[in-house]
Amino acid sequence: MELHVFLSFRGEDVRKTFVDHLYLALQQKCIITFKDDEKLEKGQFISLELESSIEESRIALIIFSKNYANSTWCLDELTKIMECKNVKGQIVVPVFYDVDPSTVRRQKTIFGEALSKHEGRFQEDKMQKWRAALEEAANISGWDLPNTANG
């Protein structure tokens, strides 16, 4: 089964609101969509299944929210997504959910603070990949959505 869309998001920020609404709308249009519903442990690496789901998807929607960069899992997903964009031509659409695109691009305020917390725990090459992926993704034209009632 070919996946059409892969959703990358920080569960605690948007799972029960925006992502659930988006997922339902995509399903109603018969768009095969991957949405990870597992509770992920902090510090875990993305699974091979998740990695192959990213690779099999034609489109990746990255929902950047306030705590996205706090999750090393999200950052690893993002790195894989940008790799698939550059190697396989995967379509990437960033959604800035109550986050300014320049905050993601420049890694300022909440995104900069989140990355600072990861420094020292991860090797410099991994940190550079995360930073480059954030900057590249934030430079792609996408949607800038304010947080509204009920997602």
Protein backbone atom coordinates (compact mmCIF):
# COMPACT_ATOMS: atom_id res chain seq x y z
CA MET A 1 0.00 0.00 0.00
CA GLU A 2 1.46 3.32 -1.05
CA LEU A 3 1.20 6.12 1.46
CA HIS A 4 0.17 9.45 0.07
CA VAL A 5 0.86 11.68 3.08
CA PHE A 6 3.08 11.42 6.16
CA LEU A 7 2.22 13.69 9.10
CA SER A 8 5.12 14.83 11.28
CA PHE A 9 3.98 16.57 14.45
CA ARG A 10 4.56 16.96 18.19
CA GLY A 11 1.71 14.98 19.72
CA GLU A 12 1.26 16.90 22.94
CA ASP A 13 0.80 20.16 21.00
CA VAL A 14 -1.58 19.24 18.20
CA ARG A 15 -2.64 15.56 18.22
CA LYS A 16 -6.10 16.03 19.77
CA THR A 17 -6.92 19.22 17.89
CA PHE A 18 -5.43 20.25 14.56
CA VAL A 19 -3.91 16.88 13.56
CA ASP A 20 -7.06 14.88 14.33
CA HIS A 21 -9.13 17.29 12.21
CA LEU A 22 -6.58 17.23 9.39
CA TYR A 23 -6.28 13.43 9.47
CA LEU A 24 -10.07 13.01 9.33
CA ALA A 25 -10.35 15.44 6.39
CA LEU A 26 -7.63 13.56 4.47
CA GLN A 27 -9.29 10.19 5.21
CA GLN A 28 -12.64 11.51 3.98
CA LYS A 29 -10.96 12.37 0.66
CA CYS A 30 -9.54 8.79 0.50
CA ILE A 31 -5.99 10.07 0.95
CA ILE A 32 -3.87 7.36 2.58
CA THR A 33 -2.20 9.10 5.51
CA PHE A 34 0.30 7.98 8.15
CA LYS A 35 -0.27 9.43 11.62
CA ASP A 36 1.78 7.94 14.42
CA ASP A 37 -0.48 7.36 17.41
CA GLU A 38 2.05 5.62 19.62
CA LYS A 39 3.24 7.08 22.86
CA LEU A 40 6.93 7.57 22.20
CA GLU A 41 9.52 7.41 24.91
CA LYS A 42 11.91 10.32 25.28
CA GLY A 43 15.29 9.69 23.72
CA GLN A 44 14.17 6.83 21.48
CA PHE A 45 15.36 6.71 17.88
CA ILE A 46 12.78 6.62 15.13
CA SER A 47 11.82 3.06 14.27
CA LEU A 48 12.55 1.36 10.98
CA GLU A 49 8.80 1.15 10.37
CA LEU A 50 8.44 4.89 10.84
CA GLU A 51 11.46 5.54 8.63
CA SER A 52 10.05 3.38 5.83
CA SER A 53 6.66 5.15 6.17
CA ILE A 54 8.44 8.45 5.55
CA GLU A 55 10.26 6.98 2.53
CA GLU A 56 7.05 5.52 1.05
CA SER A 57 5.07 8.76 1.30
CA ARG A 58 4.73 11.06 -1.67
CA ILE A 59 4.00 14.08 0.52
CA ALA A 60 5.19 15.01 4.01
CA LEU A 61 3.26 17.56 6.05
CA ILE A 62 5.41 18.93 8.85
CA ILE A 63 3.32 20.59 11.55
CA PHE A 64 5.70 22.90 13.38
CA SER A 65 4.31 23.79 16.81
CA LYS A 66 5.80 25.34 19.93
CA ASN A 67 7.29 22.09 21.29
CA TYR A 68 8.26 20.44 17.97
CA ALA A 69 12.02 20.97 18.48
CA ASN A 70 11.84 19.66 22.07
CA SER A 71 11.30 16.20 20.58
CA THR A 72 14.42 14.49 19.26
CA TRP A 73 12.02 12.04 17.59
CA CYS A 74 10.43 14.91 15.61
CA LEU A 75 13.86 16.26 14.69
CA ASP A 76 14.95 12.82 13.45
CA GLU A 77 11.73 12.53 11.42
CA LEU A 78 12.35 15.97 9.96
CA THR A 79 15.91 15.06 8.99
CA LYS A 80 14.65 11.92 7.22
CA ILE A 81 11.89 13.88 5.48
CA MET A 82 14.34 16.48 4.16
CA GLU A 83 16.64 13.67 2.98
CA CYS A 84 13.71 12.14 1.05
CA LYS A 85 12.89 15.54 -0.43
CA ASN A 86 16.45 16.02 -1.66
CA VAL A 87 17.09 12.44 -2.83
CA LYS A 88 13.66 11.24 -3.99
CA GLY A 89 11.81 14.47 -4.73
CA GLN A 90 9.28 14.00 -1.93
CA ILE A 91 6.91 16.97 -1.67
CA VAL A 92 7.29 18.74 1.68
CA VAL A 93 4.69 21.16 3.02
CA PRO A 94 5.43 22.92 6.30
CA VAL A 95 2.54 24.05 8.48
CA PHE A 96 3.46 26.67 11.08
CA TYR A 97 0.89 26.12 13.82
CA ASP A 98 1.00 29.09 16.19
CA VAL A 99 4.72 29.46 15.40
CA ASP A 100 6.32 32.08 13.19
CA PRO A 101 8.27 30.57 10.27
CA SER A 102 11.25 32.81 11.09
CA THR A 103 11.39 31.32 14.60
CA VAL A 104 11.89 27.89 13.02
CA ARG A 105 14.22 29.13 10.27
CA ARG A 106 16.51 31.12 12.56
CA GLN A 107 16.06 28.79 15.54
CA LYS A 108 15.31 31.68 17.85
CA THR A 109 13.36 31.79 21.12
CA ILE A 110 11.53 28.50 21.75
CA PHE A 111 13.26 26.61 18.92
CA GLY A 112 16.70 27.90 19.91
CA GLU A 113 16.05 27.04 23.56
CA ALA A 114 14.95 23.52 22.63
CA LEU A 115 18.06 22.92 20.53
CA SER A 116 20.28 24.29 23.32
CA LYS A 117 18.85 21.63 25.66
CA HIS A 118 19.90 18.92 23.18
CA GLU A 119 23.49 20.19 22.90
CA GLY A 120 25.92 18.11 24.92
CA ARG A 121 23.55 15.14 24.82
CA PHE A 122 24.05 14.59 21.08
CA GLN A 123 27.04 14.71 18.76
CA GLU A 124 27.71 17.90 16.84
CA ASP A 125 27.04 16.30 13.45
CA LYS A 126 23.52 15.31 14.57
CA MET A 127 22.91 18.83 15.90
CA GLN A 128 24.05 20.30 12.57
CA LYS A 129 21.70 17.97 10.64
CA TRP A 130 18.78 19.03 12.84
CA ARG A 131 19.59 22.73 12.43
CA ALA A 132 20.01 22.41 8.66
CA ALA A 133 16.74 20.46 8.34
CA LEU A 134 14.84 23.08 10.37
CA GLU A 135 16.24 25.91 8.27
CA GLU A 136 15.61 24.15 4.96
CA ALA A 137 12.04 23.16 5.87
CA ALA A 138 11.20 26.65 7.15
CA ASN A 139 12.36 28.13 3.83
CA ILE A 140 9.74 26.11 1.93
CA SER A 141 6.50 27.91 1.20
CA GLY A 142 3.80 26.49 3.47
CA TRP A 143 0.88 27.45 5.68
CA ASP A 144 1.09 29.83 8.61
CA LEU A 145 -1.81 29.04 10.96
CA PRO A 146 -2.59 30.78 14.23
CA ASN A 147 -3.85 28.60 17.08
CA THR A 148 -7.62 28.93 16.96
CA ALA A 149 -10.29 27.38 19.15
CA ASN A 150 -10.51 23.59 18.68
CA GLY A 151 -7.60 23.42 16.24
